[in-house]
Every structure is written in structure tokens, then in C-alpha cells.
Amino acid sequence: MEHQITPSHTMFYSDSRNDLPLLQYVDCPVVVNPDPVLAEVASLEGWQRLDWRTWPLPGFQL
């Protein structure tokens, strides 16, 4: 059985500009701790951005 993957309803998480082609292909790209180039592209594209370099994460409770 052959499966066809389409960008509809797909998410992809990345921190690197090397993944730009896939981020641009999927329905919901998310950048996590992006490198400077990826941060700029994400800002221009309006992509969701997560920064996990700080602790505690906003809203995190033990």
C-alpha cells in the first residue's frame, strides 16, 4: 500500500535554517530556539516561535 503525504494538517518543528524547505512545505511550521537566519524567516512568515532556552518556561509550574 502506498501512502501519499501532503502538507495539510502536518506540523514540523525545527531549530535550523537547513530545514527551511520542509518548514515551508508543511501546514503548521514551528521554530524552536531558531538560529538567526531561521528566526528572521519565521518572523517574516509569521510562523510560531518557541524559545526553550530560558528556564522556567513561561506558565510552567511544578
PDB file of N, CA and C in Angstrom:
ATOM      1  N   MET A   1       0.845  -1.172   0.000  1.00  0.00           N
ATOM      2  CA  MET A   1       0.000   0.000   0.000  1.00  0.00           C
ATOM      3  C   MET A   1       0.894   1.240   0.000  1.00  0.00           C
ATOM      4  N   GLU A   2       0.623   2.154  -0.873  1.00  0.00           N
ATOM      5  CA  GLU A   2       1.400   3.381  -0.980  1.00  0.00           C
ATOM      6  C   GLU A   2       0.685   4.515  -0.248  1.00  0.00           C
ATOM      7  N   HIS A   3       1.433   5.287   0.516  1.00  0.00           N
ATOM      8  CA  HIS A   3       0.868   6.420   1.246  1.00  0.00           C
ATOM      9  C   HIS A   3       1.378   7.706   0.637  1.00  0.00           C
ATOM     10  N   GLN A   4       0.475   8.630   0.462  1.00  0.00           N
ATOM     11  CA  GLN A   4       0.874   9.937  -0.041  1.00  0.00           C
ATOM     12  C   GLN A   4       0.829  10.923   1.117  1.00  0.00           C
ATOM     13  N   ILE A   5       1.926  11.619   1.326  1.00  0.00           N
ATOM     14  CA  ILE A   5       1.992  12.606   2.391  1.00  0.00           C
ATOM     15  C   ILE A   5       1.748  13.978   1.787  1.00  0.00           C
ATOM     16  N   THR A   6       0.802  14.676   2.373  1.00  0.00           N
ATOM     17  CA  THR A   6       0.500  16.032   1.921  1.00  0.00           C
ATOM     18  C   THR A   6       0.749  17.000   3.077  1.00  0.00           C
ATOM     19  N   PRO A   7       0.955  18.271   2.769  1.00  0.00           N
ATOM     20  CA  PRO A   7       1.235  19.230   3.836  1.00  0.00           C
ATOM     21  C   PRO A   7       0.025  19.573   4.692  1.00  0.00           C
ATOM     22  N   SER A   8      -1.154  19.195   4.259  1.00  0.00           N
ATOM     23  CA  SER A   8      -2.365  19.523   5.002  1.00  0.00           C
ATOM     24  C   SER A   8      -2.364  18.830   6.363  1.00  0.00           C
ATOM     25  N   HIS A   9      -2.599  19.595   7.396  1.00  0.00           N
ATOM     26  CA  HIS A   9      -2.690  19.079   8.760  1.00  0.00           C
ATOM     27  C   HIS A   9      -1.386  18.464   9.256  1.00  0.00           C
ATOM     28  N   THR A  10      -0.269  18.983   8.808  1.00  0.00           N
ATOM     29  CA  THR A  10       1.017  18.497   9.289  1.00  0.00           C
ATOM     30  C   THR A  10       1.748  19.619  10.017  1.00  0.00           C
ATOM     31  N   MET A  11       2.523  19.215  11.024  1.00  0.00           N
ATOM     32  CA  MET A  11       3.348  20.158  11.782  1.00  0.00           C
ATOM     33  C   MET A  11       4.796  19.716  11.659  1.00  0.00           C
ATOM     34  N   PHE A  12       5.692  20.677  11.721  1.00  0.00           N
ATOM     35  CA  PHE A  12       7.112  20.362  11.719  1.00  0.00           C
ATOM     36  C   PHE A  12       7.811  21.354  12.628  1.00  0.00           C
ATOM     37  N   TYR A  13       8.678  20.846  13.481  1.00  0.00           N
ATOM     38  CA  TYR A  13       9.431  21.663  14.428  1.00  0.00           C
ATOM     39  C   TYR A  13      10.900  21.646  14.028  1.00  0.00           C
ATOM     40  N   SER A  14      11.549  22.808  14.085  1.00  0.00           N
ATOM     41  CA  SER A  14      12.959  22.846  13.733  1.00  0.00           C
ATOM     42  C   SER A  14      13.654  24.021  14.408  1.00  0.00           C
ATOM     43  N   ASP A  15      14.980  23.904  14.510  1.00  0.00           N
ATOM     44  CA  ASP A  15      15.802  24.990  15.045  1.00  0.00           C
ATOM     45  C   ASP A  15      16.827  25.469  14.029  1.00  0.00           C
ATOM     46  N   SER A  16      16.780  24.940  12.809  1.00  0.00           N
ATOM     47  CA  SER A  16      17.845  25.201  11.851  1.00  0.00           C
ATOM     48  C   SER A  16      17.345  25.652  10.491  1.00  0.00           C
ATOM     49  N   ARG A  17      18.078  26.574   9.903  1.00  0.00           N
ATOM     50  CA  ARG A  17      17.769  27.033   8.541  1.00  0.00           C
ATOM     51  C   ARG A  17      17.850  25.897   7.530  1.00  0.00           C
ATOM     52  N   ASN A  18      18.565  24.817   7.877  1.00  0.00           N
ATOM     53  CA  ASN A  18      18.678  23.675   6.972  1.00  0.00           C
ATOM     54  C   ASN A  18      17.329  23.024   6.694  1.00  0.00           C
ATOM     55  N   ASP A  19      16.362  23.246   7.569  1.00  0.00           N
ATOM     56  CA  ASP A  19      15.033  22.650   7.422  1.00  0.00           C
ATOM     57  C   ASP A  19      14.024  23.586   6.758  1.00  0.00           C
ATOM     58  N   LEU A  20      14.479  24.712   6.230  1.00  0.00           N
ATOM     59  CA  LEU A  20      13.545  25.662   5.614  1.00  0.00           C
ATOM     60  C   LEU A  20      12.652  25.035   4.542  1.00  0.00           C
ATOM     61  N   PRO A  21      13.163  24.202   3.643  1.00  0.00           N
ATOM     62  CA  PRO A  21      12.260  23.622   2.635  1.00  0.00           C
ATOM     63  C   PRO A  21      11.087  22.861   3.253  1.00  0.00           C
ATOM     64  N   LEU A  22      11.353  22.094   4.288  1.00  0.00           N
ATOM     65  CA  LEU A  22      10.266  21.335   4.917  1.00  0.00           C
ATOM     66  C   LEU A  22       9.344  22.258   5.710  1.00  0.00           C
ATOM     67  N   LEU A  23       9.899  23.232   6.395  1.00  0.00           N
ATOM     68  CA  LEU A  23       9.070  24.197   7.127  1.00  0.00           C
ATOM     69  C   LEU A  23       8.133  24.941   6.178  1.00  0.00           C
ATOM     70  N   GLN A  24       8.609  25.247   4.988  1.00  0.00           N
ATOM     71  CA  GLN A  24       7.782  25.951   4.010  1.00  0.00           C
ATOM     72  C   GLN A  24       6.752  25.036   3.366  1.00  0.00           C
ATOM     73  N   TYR A  25       6.944  23.732   3.467  1.00  0.00           N
ATOM     74  CA  TYR A  25       6.044  22.760   2.852  1.00  0.00           C
ATOM     75  C   TYR A  25       4.851  22.414   3.733  1.00  0.00           C
ATOM     76  N   VAL A  26       5.068  22.344   5.045  1.00  0.00           N
ATOM     77  CA  VAL A  26       4.014  21.864   5.936  1.00  0.00           C
ATOM     78  C   VAL A  26       2.961  22.929   6.212  1.00  0.00           C
ATOM     79  N   ASP A  27       1.857  22.468   6.764  1.00  0.00           N
ATOM     80  CA  ASP A  27       0.729  23.340   7.086  1.00  0.00           C
ATOM     81  C   ASP A  27       1.009  24.211   8.311  1.00  0.00           C
ATOM     82  N   CYS A  28       1.755  23.674   9.271  1.00  0.00           N
ATOM     83  CA  CYS A  28       1.971  24.391  10.528  1.00  0.00           C
ATOM     84  C   CYS A  28       3.445  24.315  10.946  1.00  0.00           C
ATOM     85  N   PRO A  29       4.286  25.216  10.436  1.00  0.00           N
ATOM     86  CA  PRO A  29       5.685  25.218  10.833  1.00  0.00           C
ATOM     87  C   PRO A  29       5.870  25.886  12.195  1.00  0.00           C
ATOM     88  N   VAL A  30       6.754  25.316  13.008  1.00  0.00           N
ATOM     89  CA  VAL A  30       7.065  25.880  14.325  1.00  0.00           C
ATOM     90  C   VAL A  30       8.579  25.886  14.482  1.00  0.00           C
ATOM     91  N   VAL A  31       9.135  27.034  14.843  1.00  0.00           N
ATOM     92  CA  VAL A  31      10.573  27.091  15.072  1.00  0.00           C
ATOM     93  C   VAL A  31      10.835  27.107  16.573  1.00  0.00           C
ATOM     94  N   VAL A  32      11.851  26.340  16.967  1.00  0.00           N
ATOM     95  CA  VAL A  32      12.189  26.199  18.380  1.00  0.00           C
ATOM     96  C   VAL A  32      13.659  26.591  18.550  1.00  0.00           C
ATOM     97  N   ASN A  33      13.909  27.602  19.390  1.00  0.00           N
ATOM     98  CA  ASN A  33      15.278  28.093  19.591  1.00  0.00           C
ATOM     99  C   ASN A  33      15.982  28.267  18.241  1.00  0.00           C
ATOM    100  N   PRO A  34      15.393  29.040  17.335  1.00  0.00           N
ATOM    101  CA  PRO A  34      15.917  29.101  15.969  1.00  0.00           C
ATOM    102  C   PRO A  34      17.279  29.775  15.875  1.00  0.00           C
ATOM    103  N   ASP A  35      18.052  29.337  14.867  1.00  0.00           N
ATOM    104  CA  ASP A  35      19.281  30.043  14.555  1.00  0.00           C
ATOM    105  C   ASP A  35      18.897  31.409  13.977  1.00  0.00           C
ATOM    106  N   PRO A  36      19.823  32.360  13.875  1.00  0.00           N
ATOM    107  CA  PRO A  36      19.463  33.722  13.439  1.00  0.00           C
ATOM    108  C   PRO A  36      18.769  33.792  12.084  1.00  0.00           C
ATOM    109  N   VAL A  37      19.215  33.019  11.128  1.00  0.00           N
ATOM    110  CA  VAL A  37      18.583  33.043   9.805  1.00  0.00           C
ATOM    111  C   VAL A  37      17.154  32.522   9.886  1.00  0.00           C
ATOM    112  N   LEU A  38      16.954  31.414  10.574  1.00  0.00           N
ATOM    113  CA  LEU A  38      15.618  30.849  10.713  1.00  0.00           C
ATOM    114  C   LEU A  38      14.703  31.785  11.497  1.00  0.00           C
ATOM    115  N   ALA A  39      15.240  32.447  12.506  1.00  0.00           N
ATOM    116  CA  ALA A  39      14.439  33.401  13.277  1.00  0.00           C
ATOM    117  C   ALA A  39      13.920  34.525  12.390  1.00  0.00           C
ATOM    118  N   GLU A  40      14.764  35.011  11.503  1.00  0.00           N
ATOM    119  CA  GLU A  40      14.361  36.092  10.587  1.00  0.00           C
ATOM    120  C   GLU A  40      13.281  35.623   9.622  1.00  0.00           C
ATOM    121  N   VAL A  41      13.463  34.453   9.038  1.00  0.00           N
ATOM    122  CA  VAL A  41      12.464  33.912   8.109  1.00  0.00           C
ATOM    123  C   VAL A  41      11.149  33.669   8.839  1.00  0.00           C
ATOM    124  N   ALA A  42      11.216  33.091  10.023  1.00  0.00           N
ATOM    125  CA  ALA A  42       9.998  32.821  10.796  1.00  0.00           C
ATOM    126  C   ALA A  42       9.241  34.102  11.101  1.00  0.00           C
ATOM    127  N   SER A  43       9.983  35.145  11.426  1.00  0.00           N
ATOM    128  CA  SER A  43       9.351  36.434  11.701  1.00  0.00           C
ATOM    129  C   SER A  43       8.647  36.973  10.454  1.00  0.00           C
ATOM    130  N   LEU A  44       9.316  36.895   9.329  1.00  0.00           N
ATOM    131  CA  LEU A  44       8.727  37.383   8.074  1.00  0.00           C
ATOM    132  C   LEU A  44       7.512  36.559   7.645  1.00  0.00           C
ATOM    133  N   GLU A  45       7.565  35.249   7.901  1.00  0.00           N
ATOM    134  CA  GLU A  45       6.482  34.346   7.501  1.00  0.00           C
ATOM    135  C   GLU A  45       5.336  34.290   8.513  1.00  0.00           C
ATOM    136  N   GLY A  46       5.575  34.801   9.723  1.00  0.00           N
ATOM    137  CA  GLY A  46       4.549  34.753  10.756  1.00  0.00           C
ATOM    138  C   GLY A  46       4.406  33.387  11.406  1.00  0.00           C
ATOM    139  N   TRP A  47       5.487  32.595  11.408  1.00  0.00           N
ATOM    140  CA  TRP A  47       5.450  31.258  11.995  1.00  0.00           C
ATOM    141  C   TRP A  47       5.532  31.330  13.507  1.00  0.00           C
ATOM    142  N   GLN A  48       4.947  30.349  14.154  1.00  0.00           N
ATOM    143  CA  GLN A  48       5.023  30.249  15.603  1.00  0.00           C
ATOM    144  C   GLN A  48       6.477  30.021  16.006  1.00  0.00           C
ATOM    145  N   ARG A  49       6.881  30.689  17.087  1.00  0.00           N
ATOM    146  CA  ARG A  49       8.264  30.574  17.563  1.00  0.00           C
ATOM    147  C   ARG A  49       8.255  30.243  19.047  1.00  0.00           C
ATOM    148  N   LEU A  50       9.009  29.218  19.415  1.00  0.00           N
ATOM    149  CA  LEU A  50       9.146  28.820  20.810  1.00  0.00           C
ATOM    150  C   LEU A  50      10.593  29.004  21.236  1.00  0.00           C
ATOM    151  N   ASP A  51      10.787  29.537  22.435  1.00  0.00           N
ATOM    152  CA  ASP A  51      12.136  29.691  22.963  1.00  0.00           C
ATOM    153  C   ASP A  51      12.224  28.910  24.261  1.00  0.00           C
ATOM    154  N   TRP A  52      12.942  27.800  24.224  1.00  0.00           N
ATOM    155  CA  TRP A  52      13.086  26.936  25.395  1.00  0.00           C
ATOM    156  C   TRP A  52      14.455  27.093  26.037  1.00  0.00           C
ATOM    157  N   ARG A  53      15.167  28.161  25.689  1.00  0.00           N
ATOM    158  CA  ARG A  53      16.498  28.370  26.263  1.00  0.00           C
ATOM    159  C   ARG A  53      16.435  28.959  27.660  1.00  0.00           C
ATOM    160  N   THR A  54      15.291  29.476  28.029  1.00  0.00           N
ATOM    161  CA  THR A  54      15.153  30.068  29.355  1.00  0.00           C
ATOM    162  C   THR A  54      14.402  29.100  30.258  1.00  0.00           C
ATOM    163  N   TRP A  55      14.725  29.141  31.527  1.00  0.00           N
ATOM    164  CA  TRP A  55      14.054  28.280  32.497  1.00  0.00           C
ATOM    165  C   TRP A  55      13.705  29.109  33.702  1.00  0.00           C
ATOM    166  N   PRO A  56      12.533  28.980  34.258  1.00  0.00           N
ATOM    167  CA  PRO A  56      11.488  28.053  33.832  1.00  0.00           C
ATOM    168  C   PRO A  56      10.753  28.585  32.612  1.00  0.00           C
ATOM    169  N   LEU A  57      10.128  27.678  31.914  1.00  0.00           N
ATOM    170  CA  LEU A  57       9.316  28.065  30.767  1.00  0.00           C
ATOM    171  C   LEU A  57       8.122  28.865  31.256  1.00  0.00           C
ATOM    172  N   PRO A  58       7.692  29.877  30.472  1.00  0.00           N
ATOM    173  CA  PRO A  58       6.516  30.648  30.894  1.00  0.00           C
ATOM    174  C   PRO A  58       5.313  29.739  31.138  1.00  0.00           C
ATOM    175  N   GLY A  59       4.659  29.918  32.255  1.00  0.00           N
ATOM    176  CA  GLY A  59       3.470  29.147  32.589  1.00  0.00           C
ATOM    177  C   GLY A  59       3.765  27.783  33.205  1.00  0.00           C
ATOM    178  N   PHE A  60       5.047  27.428  33.340  1.00  0.00           N
ATOM    179  CA  PHE A  60       5.403  26.122  33.879  1.00  0.00           C
ATOM    180  C   PHE A  60       5.309  26.148  35.400  1.00  0.00           C
ATOM    181  N   GLN A  61       4.655  25.131  35.946  1.00  0.00           N
ATOM    182  CA  GLN A  61       4.544  25.009  37.396  1.00  0.00           C
ATOM    183  C   GLN A  61       4.806  23.566  37.777  1.00  0.00           C
ATOM    184  N   LEU A  62       5.495  23.382  38.881  1.00  0.00           N
ATOM    185  CA  LEU A  62       5.707  22.019  39.394  1.00  0.00           C
ATOM    186  C   LEU A  62       4.556  21.623  40.283  1.00  0.00           C
TER     187      LEU A  62
END
